[in-house]
Amino acid sequence: MLLVYTHKITPRLTYTFKHICKRILGIEVSFTSKVEDFIAHNSLKMSYAKQPLSNELFVRSNDLLFEQGLSDLDIHVQKWGNTKGFFATGERSDLPFDIFAASFYLLSRYEEYLPHVNDAYGRFMAKDSLAYNNKFLNQPVVDIWAYKLRDVLKKRFPDFVFPERSYQVKPVIDVPSAYYFRKKGLLRTIGGIFGDLGRLKLKQVYQRFSVLMGFKRDPYDTFKWIITKQKQYDFKFIVLFLIGDYSTYDKNVSTNKKEFVSLIKSVADYCDVGIKASYFSLDDISILKKEKQKMESIVNTDLKAVRHSFSKLNLPISYRNLIELEINQDFTMGYVNVLGFRAGTCTPFQFYDLDYEVQTPLQINPYHCMDFGLLKYQSKLDKTEHLQKLINQVKAVDGTFTPIFHNYSFSDLDRWKGFRSLFNMILQSAE
C-alpha cells in the first residue's frame, strides 16, 4: 500500500490519487496528515505538499486539489520526454510536474465548465481543448504520467512488486437505426420513395423495393455478422439501441414493432445491451427514465450502459440524471470527428461533480475512436495507419481501447466500405 502524506486531505485529492494509483497502477493508497504515521509506515510512501518533510519521495503540490469551485488557471504545457506535462513543480520535486493536479484537470473535465463556444449540436469541441491546442490529444497522458510515477516508485522501493494490468478492448456498437428501409411505417416509406425519385436516386429505389419485397437483406441489418463476431471473442461487445420516440434527431424503428423487440432480445443473448439515449432525453430526465424502463422491460434486467445521441453532454446535468436513475456506465466521453483522448485517459474512471465536490458512482468509459472520426482519412491505408497508432498508444500503457462503431458501419455502403476490416483489426489487437 502507498501512504501519501499531505497537509490537507480533500475529495479532489483522494479521487485523483485513487484513479492513478488504484485504477491504473493497481496499488492501494491511503492518506495521512500525521508525520508520525508517515514515518512509521514501512512500505511505499510519498509526500504531496509544498515542502518535503525530509528526504522522502516528494511531489510538490499545485493548489488545484486543495481548492473548491472553479478558478482562472494559468496553464503552461511543456515537453516531458516523449509526452507533455503541465503544472511544473520545481527542482526539489521527484517529478517535474504535478501529475495529480494535471490529471484532475483532465478527468474532471474542468475546461468544459469554463466559458466556451459549443457547436451546432451544443457540444464541446475538440479544438477548444487544452489537449488539442497543445498537441497531446493523441496520447493517454494520465496513464503515461502514472507509469512515470511507477518508475520513480520502483527506484525508491526496488523490492516492491507492482501488479501488472493487460491491454483490453471494449467495443461499442451504436444503433441509431436498426434498418435502412424496413419497419419504417407506410408514410415514412412512401416519403422515402418519392424523396429518392425526386433526387433521381434510381438505384436506391430499386434497392428499397428489393429489401421490402424480401429479395435482399436490409443494408443496416448487420446484426447476424455482429453476433458471429461476438461468438469468436470472450470479451463482450456493448450494443446500444435507440428506442426513444421518433423526432427530428432520432429516427429509429418503433418498439411497437415486434420484430425490432425480437432483434434487441436476440442481440442481448450474446452481447451486453444498453440504450442510446435520445436527443431530447438529454435535458429531460422523465424521457430518459421512460427509455430506461422500456429497455429494462425488453431485456428483463437492470439497465447498465447509456450513450447520449450525437455524443452530446451538458456537464454536470447529463451525468447527474444518469446517477439519479441509477445508471452506472456511460459511453459518451469522446469526440465524434477527432480521434484521441478527451479526458486524457484510456482507463474507465468515476465522474467527479465539480459543483458538489464529490466523486459519484457513475463510471465514465471514454471512447477514443468513432467510425466518423476515421472518415476524414481518404484511403483505407490512412485509416488503418491512424487507427493502429491509437491502438499502440493504449497498448503502451496496458489500457482499455474503446471504439464506437455503428451497425451501418458494417453495411459496406458507399463511405463505409472497408469498415468491417477496421473493426476486425481492433478485435484482433486483443488476441
Protein backbone atom coordinates (compact mmCIF):
# COMPACT_ATOMS: atom_id res chain seq x y z
CA MET A 1 0.00 0.00 0.00
CA LEU A 2 1.13 3.53 -0.83
CA LEU A 3 0.84 6.03 2.02
CA VAL A 4 0.60 9.67 0.98
CA TYR A 5 1.44 12.44 3.41
CA THR A 6 -0.32 15.71 2.68
CA HIS A 7 -1.16 18.79 4.72
CA LYS A 8 -4.88 18.56 3.82
CA ILE A 9 -6.94 15.57 2.68
CA THR A 10 -9.62 16.72 0.21
CA PRO A 11 -12.18 14.91 -2.02
CA ARG A 12 -10.27 16.06 -5.11
CA LEU A 13 -7.03 14.64 -3.77
CA THR A 14 -8.44 11.23 -2.82
CA TYR A 15 -10.32 10.98 -6.14
CA THR A 16 -7.24 11.68 -8.26
CA PHE A 17 -4.79 9.54 -6.32
CA LYS A 18 -7.21 6.61 -6.40
CA HIS A 19 -7.55 6.81 -10.18
CA ILE A 20 -3.79 6.96 -10.74
CA CYS A 21 -2.69 4.54 -8.03
CA LYS A 22 -5.53 2.04 -7.82
CA ARG A 23 -7.20 2.01 -11.23
CA ILE A 24 -4.07 2.46 -13.35
CA LEU A 25 -1.21 1.08 -11.23
CA GLY A 26 -3.27 -1.42 -9.23
CA ILE A 27 -1.90 -0.40 -5.82
CA GLU A 28 -3.94 0.56 -2.77
CA VAL A 29 -3.46 4.11 -1.49
CA SER A 30 -4.21 5.82 1.82
CA PHE A 31 -3.60 9.28 3.20
CA THR A 32 -2.34 10.89 6.39
CA SER A 33 -1.65 14.33 7.75
CA LYS A 34 0.23 12.94 10.75
CA VAL A 35 4.02 12.95 10.43
CA GLU A 36 4.47 10.12 12.95
CA ASP A 37 2.17 7.79 10.98
CA PHE A 38 4.06 8.61 7.82
CA ILE A 39 7.45 7.89 9.41
CA ALA A 40 6.21 4.59 10.88
CA HIS A 41 4.95 3.27 7.52
CA ASN A 42 7.40 0.70 6.13
CA SER A 43 6.19 0.29 2.55
CA LEU A 44 5.57 2.64 -0.40
CA LYS A 45 5.21 6.24 0.69
CA MET A 46 5.46 9.77 -0.69
CA SER A 47 4.64 13.29 0.37
CA TYR A 48 2.43 15.64 -1.58
CA ALA A 49 2.74 19.16 -0.21
CA LYS A 50 4.61 22.44 -0.74
CA GLN A 51 7.77 21.27 1.08
CA PRO A 52 9.26 17.79 1.72
CA LEU A 53 9.44 16.51 5.30
CA SER A 54 12.99 15.21 4.86
CA ASN A 55 14.44 13.08 2.05
CA GLU A 56 11.32 11.02 1.20
CA LEU A 57 9.86 10.69 -2.29
CA PHE A 58 8.24 14.10 -2.79
CA VAL A 59 5.95 15.71 -5.37
CA ARG A 60 5.41 19.43 -4.91
CA SER A 61 1.69 20.13 -4.96
CA ASN A 62 -0.19 22.61 -7.06
CA ASP A 63 -3.10 24.35 -5.29
CA LEU A 64 -5.77 22.82 -7.56
CA LEU A 65 -6.52 19.74 -5.43
CA PHE A 66 -6.97 21.90 -2.31
CA GLU A 67 -9.37 24.41 -3.87
CA GLN A 68 -13.13 24.35 -4.31
CA GLY A 69 -15.12 25.54 -7.30
CA LEU A 70 -13.62 26.92 -10.47
CA SER A 71 -10.82 29.43 -10.84
CA ASP A 72 -8.92 31.01 -13.70
CA LEU A 73 -5.93 28.70 -14.09
CA ASP A 74 -2.70 29.72 -15.74
CA ILE A 75 -1.56 26.59 -17.61
CA HIS A 76 1.77 26.27 -19.41
CA VAL A 77 2.19 22.96 -21.23
CA GLN A 78 5.78 21.82 -21.63
CA LYS A 79 7.57 18.89 -23.24
CA TRP A 80 8.35 15.96 -20.93
CA GLY A 81 10.30 13.24 -22.70
CA ASN A 82 8.01 11.77 -25.37
CA THR A 83 4.91 13.37 -23.87
CA LYS A 84 3.74 16.70 -22.39
CA GLY A 85 3.15 17.94 -18.84
CA PHE A 86 1.80 20.98 -17.02
CA PHE A 87 1.77 22.44 -13.50
CA ALA A 88 5.57 22.45 -13.19
CA THR A 89 6.88 21.62 -9.71
CA GLY A 90 10.44 22.93 -9.39
CA GLU A 91 13.82 21.36 -8.57
CA ARG A 92 13.19 19.56 -5.27
CA SER A 93 10.27 17.53 -6.57
CA ASP A 94 10.86 13.95 -7.77
CA LEU A 95 8.52 14.59 -10.70
CA PRO A 96 8.92 17.74 -12.83
CA PHE A 97 5.13 18.23 -12.99
CA ASP A 98 2.29 17.80 -10.54
CA ILE A 99 0.70 14.89 -12.38
CA PHE A 100 -2.11 14.68 -9.82
CA ALA A 101 -3.40 18.23 -10.31
CA ALA A 102 -2.95 17.90 -14.09
CA SER A 103 -4.83 14.58 -14.10
CA PHE A 104 -7.66 16.06 -12.06
CA TYR A 105 -7.95 18.94 -14.54
CA LEU A 106 -8.40 16.46 -17.40
CA LEU A 107 -10.52 13.82 -15.64
CA SER A 108 -12.98 16.27 -14.07
CA ARG A 109 -13.34 17.99 -17.48
CA TYR A 110 -12.59 21.26 -15.72
CA GLU A 111 -12.24 23.11 -19.04
CA GLU A 112 -15.77 22.10 -20.10
CA TYR A 113 -17.21 24.04 -17.15
CA LEU A 114 -15.36 27.18 -18.22
CA PRO A 115 -16.86 29.58 -20.81
CA HIS A 116 -16.60 28.15 -24.34
CA VAL A 117 -18.49 28.13 -27.64
CA ASN A 118 -20.44 24.95 -28.44
CA ASP A 119 -21.02 23.56 -31.92
CA ALA A 120 -24.43 23.41 -33.67
CA TYR A 121 -25.48 20.42 -31.54
CA GLY A 122 -24.41 22.09 -28.28
CA ARG A 123 -21.23 20.03 -27.90
CA PHE A 124 -17.82 20.97 -26.52
CA MET A 125 -15.43 20.92 -29.47
CA ALA A 126 -12.02 19.25 -29.59
CA LYS A 127 -10.40 22.41 -30.96
CA ASP A 128 -11.26 24.24 -27.72
CA SER A 129 -9.48 21.69 -25.53
CA LEU A 130 -6.08 22.11 -23.90
CA ALA A 131 -5.02 18.72 -25.28
CA TYR A 132 -5.84 19.59 -28.90
CA ASN A 133 -4.20 23.01 -28.77
CA ASN A 134 -1.04 21.63 -27.18
CA LYS A 135 -0.87 18.52 -29.37
CA PHE A 136 -1.28 15.79 -26.77
CA LEU A 137 -4.86 14.74 -27.57
CA ASN A 138 -3.44 11.65 -29.29
CA GLN A 139 -1.88 10.38 -26.04
CA PRO A 140 -3.45 8.92 -22.86
CA VAL A 141 -1.29 11.32 -20.83
CA VAL A 142 -2.85 10.47 -17.44
CA ASP A 143 -1.86 6.82 -17.89
CA ILE A 144 1.59 7.79 -19.21
CA TRP A 145 2.15 10.02 -16.16
CA ALA A 146 1.01 7.21 -13.85
CA TYR A 147 3.65 4.92 -15.39
CA LYS A 148 6.27 7.63 -14.87
CA LEU A 149 5.28 7.72 -11.19
CA ARG A 150 5.60 3.93 -11.07
CA ASP A 151 9.16 4.19 -12.46
CA VAL A 152 10.11 6.64 -9.69
CA LEU A 153 8.50 4.42 -7.03
CA LYS A 154 10.37 1.37 -8.38
CA LYS A 155 13.71 3.14 -7.96
CA ARG A 156 12.91 4.13 -4.38
CA PHE A 157 11.29 0.81 -3.44
CA PRO A 158 13.03 -1.86 -5.57
CA ASP A 159 11.66 -4.77 -3.50
CA PHE A 160 8.01 -3.85 -4.02
CA VAL A 161 6.28 -5.99 -6.67
CA PHE A 162 3.90 -3.89 -8.75
CA PRO A 163 0.85 -5.66 -10.19
CA GLU A 164 0.59 -5.82 -13.97
CA ARG A 165 -2.54 -4.99 -15.95
CA SER A 166 -3.25 -6.07 -19.51
CA TYR A 167 -4.49 -4.35 -22.66
CA GLN A 168 -8.23 -4.76 -23.24
CA VAL A 169 -10.74 -3.92 -25.94
CA LYS A 170 -14.27 -2.76 -25.12
CA PRO A 171 -16.13 -2.43 -28.46
CA VAL A 172 -19.32 -0.35 -28.53
CA ILE A 173 -21.86 -0.66 -31.34
CA ASP A 174 -24.29 2.22 -31.60
CA VAL A 175 -27.69 1.51 -33.21
CA PRO A 176 -29.48 4.78 -34.03
CA SER A 177 -31.44 3.00 -36.77
CA ALA A 178 -31.68 -0.80 -36.93
CA TYR A 179 -32.98 -0.83 -40.51
CA TYR A 180 -32.49 1.43 -43.51
CA PHE A 181 -35.69 0.57 -45.39
CA ARG A 182 -37.68 -1.92 -43.32
CA LYS A 183 -40.17 -1.36 -40.47
CA LYS A 184 -40.40 2.40 -41.09
CA GLY A 185 -44.19 2.57 -41.46
CA LEU A 186 -46.23 3.39 -44.58
CA LEU A 187 -45.89 7.19 -44.53
CA ARG A 188 -42.11 7.18 -43.98
CA THR A 189 -41.66 4.53 -46.69
CA ILE A 190 -43.76 6.45 -49.25
CA GLY A 191 -41.94 9.67 -48.33
CA GLY A 192 -38.61 7.90 -48.80
CA ILE A 193 -39.58 6.56 -52.25
CA PHE A 194 -40.70 9.98 -53.51
CA GLY A 195 -37.59 11.57 -51.97
CA ASP A 196 -35.35 9.11 -53.84
CA LEU A 197 -37.25 9.69 -57.12
CA GLY A 198 -37.02 13.47 -56.67
CA ARG A 199 -33.23 13.22 -56.26
CA LEU A 200 -33.03 10.70 -59.13
CA LYS A 201 -31.62 8.02 -56.84
CA LEU A 202 -32.98 5.22 -59.01
CA LYS A 203 -30.51 2.66 -57.71
CA GLN A 204 -31.75 3.32 -54.16
CA VAL A 205 -35.39 2.99 -55.27
CA TYR A 206 -34.52 -0.44 -56.75
CA GLN A 207 -32.66 -1.41 -53.59
CA ARG A 208 -35.55 -0.25 -51.37
CA PHE A 209 -38.08 -2.39 -53.28
CA SER A 210 -35.72 -5.38 -53.28
CA VAL A 211 -35.48 -5.17 -49.47
CA LEU A 212 -39.18 -4.52 -48.91
CA MET A 213 -40.14 -7.45 -51.18
CA GLY A 214 -37.78 -9.72 -49.23
CA PHE A 215 -35.30 -10.35 -52.07
CA LYS A 216 -32.40 -8.62 -50.29
CA ARG A 217 -31.26 -8.10 -46.71
CA ASP A 218 -31.67 -4.57 -45.33
CA PRO A 219 -28.19 -2.93 -45.56
CA TYR A 220 -28.32 -1.71 -41.94
CA ASP A 221 -29.27 -5.18 -40.67
CA THR A 222 -25.70 -6.28 -39.88
CA PHE A 223 -26.63 -7.97 -36.59
CA LYS A 224 -26.02 -11.51 -37.82
CA TRP A 225 -22.44 -10.52 -38.64
CA ILE A 226 -22.06 -8.74 -35.26
CA ILE A 227 -23.28 -11.81 -33.34
CA THR A 228 -20.96 -14.08 -35.36
CA LYS A 229 -18.04 -11.83 -34.41
CA GLN A 230 -19.10 -11.77 -30.75
CA LYS A 231 -19.06 -15.57 -30.63
CA GLN A 232 -15.36 -15.51 -31.58
CA TYR A 233 -14.29 -13.45 -28.53
CA ASP A 234 -14.54 -13.79 -24.76
CA PHE A 235 -14.97 -10.06 -24.08
CA LYS A 236 -18.46 -8.65 -24.54
CA PHE A 237 -19.50 -6.15 -27.18
CA ILE A 238 -21.76 -3.39 -25.87
CA VAL A 239 -24.69 -2.74 -28.22
CA LEU A 240 -26.69 0.43 -27.56
CA PHE A 241 -30.13 0.72 -29.18
CA LEU A 242 -32.03 3.96 -29.71
CA ILE A 243 -35.58 3.24 -28.51
CA GLY A 244 -36.76 6.83 -27.98
CA ASP A 245 -39.72 8.38 -29.76
CA TYR A 246 -39.41 9.50 -33.39
CA SER A 247 -38.19 13.12 -33.67
CA THR A 248 -36.15 15.49 -35.83
CA TYR A 249 -32.93 13.96 -34.48
CA ASP A 250 -33.96 10.37 -33.69
CA LYS A 251 -35.41 8.17 -36.42
CA ASN A 252 -35.21 4.57 -35.28
CA VAL A 253 -37.87 1.87 -35.59
CA SER A 254 -40.68 1.94 -33.02
CA THR A 255 -40.58 -0.59 -30.17
CA ASN A 256 -44.20 -1.33 -31.09
CA LYS A 257 -42.76 -3.40 -33.94
CA LYS A 258 -42.40 -6.94 -32.61
CA GLU A 259 -39.50 -7.73 -34.93
CA PHE A 260 -37.45 -4.83 -33.50
CA VAL A 261 -38.09 -6.00 -29.93
CA SER A 262 -37.18 -9.55 -31.00
CA LEU A 263 -33.94 -8.23 -32.52
CA ILE A 264 -32.95 -6.49 -29.25
CA LYS A 265 -33.66 -9.70 -27.30
CA SER A 266 -31.61 -11.83 -29.69
CA VAL A 267 -28.62 -9.46 -29.53
CA ALA A 268 -28.92 -9.40 -25.71
CA ASP A 269 -28.45 -13.18 -25.71
CA TYR A 270 -24.84 -12.67 -26.84
CA CYS A 271 -23.82 -9.05 -26.14
CA ASP A 272 -24.33 -6.53 -23.34
CA VAL A 273 -27.24 -4.29 -24.33
CA GLY A 274 -27.92 -0.68 -23.29
CA ILE A 275 -29.59 2.43 -24.69
CA LYS A 276 -28.54 5.22 -26.95
CA ALA A 277 -30.41 7.96 -25.10
CA SER A 278 -32.50 10.12 -27.43
CA TYR A 279 -31.58 13.73 -28.17
CA PHE A 280 -34.41 15.20 -26.10
CA SER A 281 -33.78 12.92 -23.11
CA LEU A 282 -30.54 14.81 -22.52
CA ASP A 283 -32.42 17.73 -20.95
CA ASP A 284 -35.49 15.86 -19.69
CA ILE A 285 -34.96 13.16 -17.08
CA SER A 286 -38.57 11.96 -17.42
CA ILE A 287 -37.92 10.99 -21.07
CA LEU A 288 -34.68 9.24 -20.10
CA LYS A 289 -36.49 7.37 -17.32
CA LYS A 290 -39.16 6.22 -19.78
CA GLU A 291 -36.50 4.93 -22.21
CA LYS A 292 -34.67 3.15 -19.37
CA GLN A 293 -37.85 1.42 -18.21
CA LYS A 294 -38.73 0.46 -21.79
CA MET A 295 -35.34 -1.24 -22.34
CA GLU A 296 -35.47 -2.97 -18.95
CA SER A 297 -38.87 -4.43 -19.80
CA ILE A 298 -37.50 -5.74 -23.12
CA VAL A 299 -34.33 -7.41 -21.78
CA ASN A 300 -35.67 -8.18 -18.28
CA THR A 301 -32.57 -6.89 -16.50
CA ASP A 302 -31.36 -3.62 -14.96
CA LEU A 303 -30.04 -1.12 -17.48
CA LYS A 304 -26.29 -0.68 -17.13
CA ALA A 305 -24.98 1.29 -20.10
CA VAL A 306 -26.01 4.55 -21.78
CA ARG A 307 -24.64 6.76 -24.53
CA HIS A 308 -26.15 10.10 -25.45
CA SER A 309 -27.19 10.91 -29.02
CA PHE A 310 -24.57 12.81 -31.03
CA SER A 311 -22.12 12.41 -28.09
CA LYS A 312 -23.74 15.47 -26.54
CA LEU A 313 -23.05 16.22 -22.88
CA ASN A 314 -24.33 19.02 -20.67
CA LEU A 315 -22.00 18.84 -17.69
CA PRO A 316 -22.83 18.17 -14.95
CA ILE A 317 -26.61 17.79 -15.60
CA SER A 318 -26.35 14.91 -18.10
CA TYR A 319 -24.37 12.79 -15.67
CA ARG A 320 -26.44 13.74 -12.62
CA ASN A 321 -29.53 12.45 -14.46
CA LEU A 322 -27.84 9.09 -15.04
CA ILE A 323 -26.86 8.90 -11.37
CA GLU A 324 -30.39 9.73 -10.23
CA LEU A 325 -31.75 6.91 -12.40
CA GLU A 326 -29.06 4.55 -11.03
CA ILE A 327 -27.42 4.02 -14.42
CA ASN A 328 -23.77 3.36 -13.68
CA GLN A 329 -22.00 3.15 -17.06
CA ASP A 330 -21.63 5.96 -19.61
CA PHE A 331 -20.02 5.80 -23.08
CA THR A 332 -20.41 9.43 -24.22
CA MET A 333 -16.98 10.86 -23.33
CA GLY A 334 -15.13 11.37 -26.60
CA TYR A 335 -15.07 13.44 -29.78
CA VAL A 336 -17.17 12.39 -32.78
CA ASN A 337 -14.89 13.65 -35.56
CA VAL A 338 -11.47 13.61 -33.89
CA LEU A 339 -9.53 10.57 -32.68
CA GLY A 340 -7.94 10.84 -29.25
CA PHE A 341 -8.35 11.01 -25.50
CA ARG A 342 -10.89 13.67 -24.47
CA ALA A 343 -10.33 13.04 -20.74
CA GLY A 344 -6.63 12.22 -21.16
CA THR A 345 -7.02 8.59 -20.08
CA CYS A 346 -7.71 5.13 -21.51
CA THR A 347 -8.83 3.79 -18.12
CA PRO A 348 -12.52 3.97 -17.11
CA PHE A 349 -12.97 6.50 -14.28
CA GLN A 350 -15.62 7.82 -11.90
CA PHE A 351 -17.41 11.08 -12.63
CA TYR A 352 -16.36 13.86 -10.26
CA ASP A 353 -19.05 16.51 -9.76
CA LEU A 354 -17.19 19.82 -9.60
CA ASP A 355 -20.23 21.72 -8.30
CA TYR A 356 -20.79 19.38 -5.36
CA GLU A 357 -17.08 18.45 -4.95
CA VAL A 358 -17.83 14.74 -4.72
CA GLN A 359 -16.91 11.52 -6.52
CA THR A 360 -20.03 9.81 -7.88
CA PRO A 361 -20.93 6.14 -8.57
CA LEU A 362 -21.11 6.79 -12.34
CA GLN A 363 -18.30 5.16 -14.29
CA ILE A 364 -17.26 7.03 -17.43
CA ASN A 365 -15.90 4.82 -20.20
CA PRO A 366 -14.11 7.27 -22.50
CA TYR A 367 -14.06 6.29 -26.18
CA HIS A 368 -11.01 7.05 -28.29
CA CYS A 369 -12.21 6.40 -31.80
CA MET A 370 -15.57 6.73 -33.51
CA ASP A 371 -16.11 5.48 -37.05
CA PHE A 372 -16.97 9.06 -38.14
CA GLY A 373 -13.52 10.18 -36.97
CA LEU A 374 -11.94 7.77 -39.47
CA LEU A 375 -13.97 9.07 -42.45
CA LYS A 376 -11.73 12.12 -42.85
CA TYR A 377 -8.86 9.85 -43.89
CA GLN A 378 -9.31 9.18 -47.59
CA SER A 379 -7.64 5.83 -48.21
CA LYS A 380 -8.05 2.58 -46.35
CA LEU A 381 -4.29 2.66 -45.70
CA ASP A 382 -4.58 6.07 -43.98
CA LYS A 383 -7.49 4.87 -41.86
CA THR A 384 -5.59 1.74 -40.85
CA GLU A 385 -2.42 3.70 -40.04
CA HIS A 386 -4.16 6.23 -37.77
CA LEU A 387 -6.19 3.53 -36.05
CA GLN A 388 -3.05 1.44 -35.43
CA LYS A 389 -1.24 4.46 -33.91
CA LEU A 390 -4.12 4.93 -31.49
CA ILE A 391 -4.15 1.25 -30.54
CA ASN A 392 -0.37 1.37 -29.97
CA GLN A 393 -0.78 4.32 -27.59
CA VAL A 394 -3.29 2.35 -25.48
CA LYS A 395 -1.21 -0.84 -25.62
CA ALA A 396 1.87 1.05 -24.37
CA VAL A 397 0.12 1.71 -21.05
CA ASP A 398 -1.87 -1.58 -20.96
CA GLY A 399 -5.11 0.41 -21.09
CA THR A 400 -8.62 -0.23 -22.38
CA PHE A 401 -9.29 0.65 -26.03
CA THR A 402 -12.92 1.70 -26.55
CA PRO A 403 -14.00 2.22 -30.17
CA ILE A 404 -17.53 3.21 -31.23
CA PHE A 405 -18.90 1.86 -34.49
CA HIS A 406 -22.47 1.93 -35.79
CA ASN A 407 -24.44 -1.01 -37.14
CA TYR A 408 -24.44 0.72 -40.56
CA SER A 409 -20.61 1.00 -40.48
CA PHE A 410 -20.62 -2.70 -41.37
CA SER A 411 -23.06 -2.27 -44.29
CA ASP A 412 -20.32 -1.76 -46.92
CA LEU A 413 -22.47 1.05 -48.33
CA ASP A 414 -20.59 3.90 -50.04
CA ARG A 415 -18.34 5.63 -47.48
CA TRP A 416 -18.50 2.66 -45.09
CA LYS A 417 -16.65 0.29 -47.40
CA GLY A 418 -13.80 -1.43 -45.54
CA PHE A 419 -15.04 -0.64 -42.03
CA ARG A 420 -15.61 -4.31 -41.23
CA SER A 421 -11.90 -4.94 -41.65
CA LEU A 422 -11.07 -1.94 -39.40
CA PHE A 423 -13.33 -3.39 -36.70
CA ASN A 424 -11.69 -6.80 -37.16
CA MET A 425 -8.29 -5.16 -36.75
CA ILE A 426 -9.37 -3.74 -33.37
CA LEU A 427 -10.70 -7.11 -32.21
CA GLN A 428 -7.52 -8.89 -33.30
CA SER A 429 -5.37 -6.39 -31.37
CA ALA A 430 -6.67 -8.02 -28.16
CA GLU A 431 -5.58 -11.54 -29.17
